[in-house]
Amino acid sequence: MTWDRPTDQFLVYLERLSQACLEHDVAEIDKLLRLRLASHLPRQVLDELEYFRRSRGRTHRAPLRILRHLHKMRHLAASAPDPHQLLFPLRDATRSLPPASDAGRRRAARRR
């Protein structure tokens, strides 16, 4: 998996997780959270999955965070990469600063 585009395997993993949450299948949630792909999930999604794992089917809450994350990943996987996104070279931040005046250097020396 790369950080800029989700793989089909990751999308299937998210589908299985969201389906397990909708069905309140605690055993399936446990099994999926033990897989290595769980390390790619954001903290808020993991917290929600932990809530559903511990609720044992006693909740009427919808798994909104996992469903939102799945929706975002689907759109990210379906979109074509923008070739113009990283065309601009990054500048050195210190070069863009104006030269310090004598008064500014004296103030900085007094602060130290």
N, C-alpha and C. Protein backbone atom coordinates (compact mmCIF):
# COMPACT_ATOMS: atom_id res chain seq x y z
N MET A 1 0.84 -1.18 0.00
CA MET A 1 0.00 0.00 0.00
C MET A 1 0.89 1.24 0.00
N THR A 2 0.51 2.21 -0.79
CA THR A 2 1.20 3.49 -0.79
C THR A 2 0.30 4.50 -0.11
N TRP A 3 0.87 5.57 0.34
CA TRP A 3 0.10 6.57 1.09
C TRP A 3 -0.71 7.47 0.18
N ASP A 4 -0.39 7.50 -1.12
CA ASP A 4 -1.15 8.39 -2.00
C ASP A 4 -2.33 7.70 -2.67
N ARG A 5 -2.31 6.39 -2.80
CA ARG A 5 -3.43 5.68 -3.43
C ARG A 5 -3.67 4.36 -2.70
N PRO A 6 -4.90 4.11 -2.26
CA PRO A 6 -5.20 2.84 -1.59
C PRO A 6 -5.26 1.70 -2.61
N THR A 7 -4.86 0.52 -2.19
CA THR A 7 -4.90 -0.64 -3.07
C THR A 7 -6.28 -1.30 -3.01
N ASP A 8 -6.50 -2.21 -3.94
CA ASP A 8 -7.76 -2.96 -3.93
C ASP A 8 -7.88 -3.81 -2.68
N GLN A 9 -6.76 -4.34 -2.22
CA GLN A 9 -6.76 -5.15 -1.00
C GLN A 9 -7.22 -4.33 0.20
N PHE A 10 -6.75 -3.10 0.30
CA PHE A 10 -7.14 -2.24 1.41
C PHE A 10 -8.62 -1.86 1.32
N LEU A 11 -9.11 -1.63 0.11
CA LEU A 11 -10.53 -1.31 -0.07
C LEU A 11 -11.41 -2.49 0.33
N VAL A 12 -11.00 -3.69 -0.02
CA VAL A 12 -11.75 -4.88 0.39
C VAL A 12 -11.73 -5.03 1.90
N TYR A 13 -10.58 -4.75 2.50
CA TYR A 13 -10.46 -4.80 3.96
C TYR A 13 -11.42 -3.81 4.61
N LEU A 14 -11.49 -2.59 4.09
CA LEU A 14 -12.41 -1.60 4.65
C LEU A 14 -13.86 -2.01 4.45
N GLU A 15 -14.17 -2.62 3.31
CA GLU A 15 -15.53 -3.12 3.06
C GLU A 15 -15.90 -4.17 4.11
N ARG A 16 -14.99 -5.09 4.37
CA ARG A 16 -15.26 -6.15 5.34
C ARG A 16 -15.43 -5.57 6.74
N LEU A 17 -14.62 -4.58 7.08
CA LEU A 17 -14.75 -3.95 8.40
C LEU A 17 -16.09 -3.24 8.56
N SER A 18 -16.47 -2.48 7.55
CA SER A 18 -17.73 -1.75 7.65
C SER A 18 -18.92 -2.71 7.69
N GLN A 19 -18.85 -3.79 6.92
CA GLN A 19 -19.93 -4.78 6.95
C GLN A 19 -20.01 -5.47 8.30
N ALA A 20 -18.86 -5.78 8.89
CA ALA A 20 -18.86 -6.41 10.22
C ALA A 20 -19.45 -5.48 11.27
N CYS A 21 -19.18 -4.18 11.15
CA CYS A 21 -19.75 -3.21 12.10
C CYS A 21 -21.26 -3.09 11.91
N LEU A 22 -21.71 -3.07 10.67
CA LEU A 22 -23.14 -2.96 10.41
C LEU A 22 -23.90 -4.19 10.91
N GLU A 23 -23.25 -5.36 10.85
CA GLU A 23 -23.88 -6.59 11.31
C GLU A 23 -23.61 -6.89 12.78
N HIS A 24 -22.81 -6.06 13.44
CA HIS A 24 -22.41 -6.25 14.84
C HIS A 24 -21.74 -7.62 15.04
N ASP A 25 -20.89 -7.99 14.09
CA ASP A 25 -20.17 -9.25 14.14
C ASP A 25 -18.84 -9.03 14.87
N VAL A 26 -18.86 -9.29 16.17
CA VAL A 26 -17.69 -9.00 17.01
C VAL A 26 -16.52 -9.90 16.65
N ALA A 27 -16.77 -11.16 16.34
CA ALA A 27 -15.68 -12.07 15.99
C ALA A 27 -14.97 -11.61 14.72
N GLU A 28 -15.72 -11.16 13.73
CA GLU A 28 -15.12 -10.67 12.49
C GLU A 28 -14.33 -9.38 12.72
N ILE A 29 -14.86 -8.49 13.54
CA ILE A 29 -14.14 -7.24 13.86
C ILE A 29 -12.82 -7.58 14.55
N ASP A 30 -12.86 -8.51 15.50
CA ASP A 30 -11.63 -8.93 16.19
C ASP A 30 -10.61 -9.48 15.20
N LYS A 31 -11.08 -10.34 14.33
CA LYS A 31 -10.18 -10.97 13.36
C LYS A 31 -9.56 -9.92 12.43
N LEU A 32 -10.36 -8.96 11.97
CA LEU A 32 -9.86 -7.94 11.04
C LEU A 32 -8.93 -6.95 11.72
N LEU A 33 -9.17 -6.67 12.98
CA LEU A 33 -8.29 -5.73 13.69
C LEU A 33 -6.92 -6.33 14.00
N ARG A 34 -6.81 -7.66 13.96
CA ARG A 34 -5.51 -8.30 14.20
C ARG A 34 -4.63 -8.30 12.96
N LEU A 35 -5.21 -8.02 11.80
CA LEU A 35 -4.43 -8.00 10.56
C LEU A 35 -3.52 -6.78 10.50
N ARG A 36 -2.48 -6.89 9.72
CA ARG A 36 -1.50 -5.80 9.61
C ARG A 36 -2.09 -4.55 8.95
N LEU A 37 -3.10 -4.72 8.12
CA LEU A 37 -3.73 -3.57 7.46
C LEU A 37 -4.38 -2.62 8.44
N ALA A 38 -4.67 -3.08 9.64
CA ALA A 38 -5.29 -2.21 10.66
C ALA A 38 -4.36 -1.07 11.05
N SER A 39 -3.07 -1.22 10.80
CA SER A 39 -2.13 -0.15 11.15
C SER A 39 -2.28 1.07 10.23
N HIS A 40 -2.98 0.92 9.11
CA HIS A 40 -3.19 2.03 8.18
C HIS A 40 -4.45 2.83 8.49
N LEU A 41 -5.18 2.43 9.50
CA LEU A 41 -6.43 3.13 9.84
C LEU A 41 -6.15 4.32 10.74
N PRO A 42 -6.89 5.42 10.55
CA PRO A 42 -6.72 6.57 11.45
C PRO A 42 -7.20 6.24 12.87
N ARG A 43 -6.71 6.98 13.82
CA ARG A 43 -7.01 6.74 15.23
C ARG A 43 -8.51 6.81 15.51
N GLN A 44 -9.22 7.76 14.91
CA GLN A 44 -10.66 7.90 15.16
C GLN A 44 -11.42 6.69 14.66
N VAL A 45 -11.01 6.12 13.55
CA VAL A 45 -11.66 4.93 13.02
C VAL A 45 -11.39 3.75 13.93
N LEU A 46 -10.15 3.63 14.40
CA LEU A 46 -9.82 2.55 15.33
C LEU A 46 -10.61 2.66 16.63
N ASP A 47 -10.79 3.88 17.11
CA ASP A 47 -11.58 4.07 18.33
C ASP A 47 -13.03 3.63 18.12
N GLU A 48 -13.58 3.97 16.97
CA GLU A 48 -14.96 3.56 16.68
C GLU A 48 -15.06 2.05 16.54
N LEU A 49 -14.07 1.42 15.91
CA LEU A 49 -14.08 -0.03 15.79
C LEU A 49 -13.99 -0.70 17.16
N GLU A 50 -13.20 -0.12 18.03
CA GLU A 50 -13.09 -0.65 19.39
C GLU A 50 -14.43 -0.53 20.12
N TYR A 51 -15.14 0.56 19.90
CA TYR A 51 -16.46 0.75 20.49
C TYR A 51 -17.42 -0.35 20.02
N PHE A 52 -17.42 -0.63 18.72
CA PHE A 52 -18.29 -1.66 18.19
C PHE A 52 -17.87 -3.06 18.63
N ARG A 53 -16.57 -3.26 18.81
CA ARG A 53 -16.09 -4.55 19.28
C ARG A 53 -16.55 -4.82 20.70
N ARG A 54 -16.54 -3.79 21.53
CA ARG A 54 -16.92 -3.95 22.93
C ARG A 54 -18.43 -3.90 23.17
N SER A 55 -19.19 -3.36 22.23
CA SER A 55 -20.63 -3.19 22.46
C SER A 55 -21.39 -4.51 22.40
N ARG A 56 -20.84 -5.50 21.72
CA ARG A 56 -21.44 -6.83 21.61
C ARG A 56 -22.89 -6.79 21.12
N GLY A 57 -23.18 -5.90 20.15
CA GLY A 57 -24.50 -5.85 19.54
C GLY A 57 -25.55 -5.12 20.35
N ARG A 58 -25.14 -4.41 21.39
CA ARG A 58 -26.11 -3.71 22.24
C ARG A 58 -26.24 -2.24 21.88
N THR A 59 -25.89 -1.87 20.68
CA THR A 59 -25.95 -0.47 20.30
C THR A 59 -26.75 -0.30 19.00
N HIS A 60 -27.35 0.85 18.87
CA HIS A 60 -28.07 1.19 17.65
C HIS A 60 -27.32 2.26 16.86
N ARG A 61 -26.09 2.47 17.22
CA ARG A 61 -25.27 3.50 16.59
C ARG A 61 -24.73 2.99 15.25
N ALA A 62 -24.70 3.87 14.27
CA ALA A 62 -24.16 3.53 12.94
C ALA A 62 -22.65 3.79 12.93
N PRO A 63 -21.89 2.97 12.23
CA PRO A 63 -20.44 3.17 12.15
C PRO A 63 -20.07 4.26 11.15
N LEU A 64 -20.34 5.49 11.50
CA LEU A 64 -20.17 6.60 10.56
C LEU A 64 -18.72 6.85 10.18
N ARG A 65 -17.82 6.76 11.12
CA ARG A 65 -16.41 7.08 10.80
C ARG A 65 -15.81 6.07 9.84
N ILE A 66 -16.07 4.79 10.06
CA ILE A 66 -15.53 3.79 9.14
C ILE A 66 -16.17 3.92 7.77
N LEU A 67 -17.46 4.25 7.73
CA LEU A 67 -18.13 4.42 6.44
C LEU A 67 -17.61 5.66 5.70
N ARG A 68 -17.35 6.74 6.43
CA ARG A 68 -16.77 7.94 5.80
C ARG A 68 -15.37 7.65 5.27
N HIS A 69 -14.59 6.93 6.06
CA HIS A 69 -13.23 6.60 5.64
C HIS A 69 -13.26 5.71 4.39
N LEU A 70 -14.16 4.76 4.35
CA LEU A 70 -14.31 3.90 3.18
C LEU A 70 -14.71 4.74 1.96
N HIS A 71 -15.62 5.66 2.14
CA HIS A 71 -16.05 6.53 1.05
C HIS A 71 -14.89 7.37 0.51
N LYS A 72 -14.09 7.94 1.40
CA LYS A 72 -12.93 8.74 0.98
C LYS A 72 -11.92 7.90 0.22
N MET A 73 -11.66 6.69 0.73
CA MET A 73 -10.67 5.83 0.08
C MET A 73 -11.16 5.37 -1.29
N ARG A 74 -12.45 5.13 -1.44
CA ARG A 74 -13.00 4.77 -2.76
C ARG A 74 -12.79 5.90 -3.76
N HIS A 75 -13.06 7.12 -3.34
CA HIS A 75 -12.88 8.26 -4.24
C HIS A 75 -11.41 8.49 -4.55
N LEU A 76 -10.57 8.30 -3.58
CA LEU A 76 -9.14 8.46 -3.81
C LEU A 76 -8.61 7.42 -4.78
N ALA A 77 -9.11 6.19 -4.66
CA ALA A 77 -8.66 5.13 -5.57
C ALA A 77 -9.21 5.32 -6.98
N ALA A 78 -10.40 5.90 -7.10
CA ALA A 78 -11.03 6.07 -8.41
C ALA A 78 -10.48 7.26 -9.18
N SER A 79 -9.96 8.25 -8.48
CA SER A 79 -9.49 9.46 -9.16
C SER A 79 -8.12 9.23 -9.79
N ALA A 80 -7.91 9.88 -10.89
CA ALA A 80 -6.62 9.82 -11.57
C ALA A 80 -5.64 10.75 -10.85
N PRO A 81 -4.39 10.35 -10.72
CA PRO A 81 -3.43 11.23 -10.06
C PRO A 81 -3.22 12.51 -10.86
N ASP A 82 -3.10 13.62 -10.18
CA ASP A 82 -2.91 14.91 -10.82
C ASP A 82 -1.43 15.08 -11.15
N PRO A 83 -1.06 15.14 -12.43
CA PRO A 83 0.36 15.24 -12.76
C PRO A 83 0.96 16.60 -12.41
N HIS A 84 0.14 17.60 -12.19
CA HIS A 84 0.64 18.94 -11.89
C HIS A 84 0.76 19.22 -10.40
N GLN A 85 0.46 18.24 -9.58
CA GLN A 85 0.41 18.49 -8.14
C GLN A 85 1.76 18.86 -7.55
N LEU A 86 2.82 18.19 -7.94
CA LEU A 86 4.12 18.44 -7.32
C LEU A 86 5.14 19.02 -8.32
N LEU A 87 4.68 19.84 -9.24
CA LEU A 87 5.59 20.42 -10.22
C LEU A 87 6.45 21.55 -9.66
N PHE A 88 5.95 22.25 -8.67
CA PHE A 88 6.67 23.40 -8.16
C PHE A 88 7.75 22.97 -7.18
N PRO A 89 8.99 23.41 -7.39
CA PRO A 89 10.05 23.04 -6.44
C PRO A 89 9.85 23.79 -5.12
N LEU A 90 10.24 23.15 -4.05
CA LEU A 90 10.12 23.77 -2.74
C LEU A 90 11.28 24.73 -2.53
N ARG A 91 10.97 25.89 -1.98
CA ARG A 91 12.01 26.90 -1.72
C ARG A 91 12.58 26.70 -0.33
N ASP A 92 13.77 27.20 -0.16
CA ASP A 92 14.37 27.21 1.16
C ASP A 92 13.73 28.35 1.95
N ALA A 93 13.15 28.04 3.10
CA ALA A 93 12.40 29.03 3.88
C ALA A 93 13.31 30.14 4.41
N THR A 94 14.57 29.86 4.66
CA THR A 94 15.46 30.89 5.21
C THR A 94 15.82 31.94 4.17
N ARG A 95 15.79 31.59 2.89
CA ARG A 95 16.10 32.57 1.85
C ARG A 95 15.00 33.60 1.67
N SER A 96 13.78 33.23 1.97
CA SER A 96 12.67 34.16 1.74
C SER A 96 12.52 35.18 2.86
N LEU A 97 13.24 35.01 3.96
CA LEU A 97 13.15 35.96 5.06
C LEU A 97 13.96 37.21 4.72
N PRO A 98 13.46 38.39 5.08
CA PRO A 98 14.25 39.59 4.84
C PRO A 98 15.44 39.63 5.80
N PRO A 99 16.50 40.29 5.40
CA PRO A 99 17.66 40.37 6.30
C PRO A 99 17.30 41.11 7.59
N ALA A 100 17.84 40.62 8.70
CA ALA A 100 17.54 41.23 9.99
C ALA A 100 18.26 42.57 10.13
N SER A 101 17.61 43.51 10.78
CA SER A 101 18.22 44.82 11.01
C SER A 101 19.11 44.75 12.25
N ASP A 102 19.90 45.79 12.46
CA ASP A 102 20.77 45.84 13.64
C ASP A 102 19.95 45.85 14.92
N ALA A 103 18.84 46.60 14.92
CA ALA A 103 17.99 46.66 16.12
C ALA A 103 17.40 45.28 16.43
N GLY A 104 17.00 44.54 15.41
CA GLY A 104 16.45 43.20 15.60
C GLY A 104 17.48 42.24 16.15
N ARG A 105 18.73 42.36 15.70
CA ARG A 105 19.79 41.50 16.22
C ARG A 105 20.09 41.81 17.67
N ARG A 106 20.05 43.11 18.04
CA ARG A 106 20.29 43.49 19.45
C ARG A 106 19.19 42.95 20.35
N ARG A 107 17.93 43.04 19.90
CA ARG A 107 16.81 42.50 20.71
C ARG A 107 16.94 40.99 20.89
N ALA A 108 17.34 40.31 19.82
CA ALA A 108 17.51 38.86 19.90
C ALA A 108 18.63 38.50 20.86
N ALA A 109 19.69 39.28 20.86
CA ALA A 109 20.82 39.02 21.76
C ALA A 109 20.41 39.25 23.20
N ARG A 110 19.57 40.26 23.47
CA ARG A 110 19.11 40.52 24.84
C ARG A 110 18.21 39.41 25.35
N ARG A 111 17.44 38.78 24.47
CA ARG A 111 16.53 37.69 24.87
C ARG A 111 17.28 36.45 25.32
N ARG A 112 18.43 36.26 24.76
CA ARG A 112 19.23 35.06 25.09
C ARG A 112 19.79 35.25 26.44
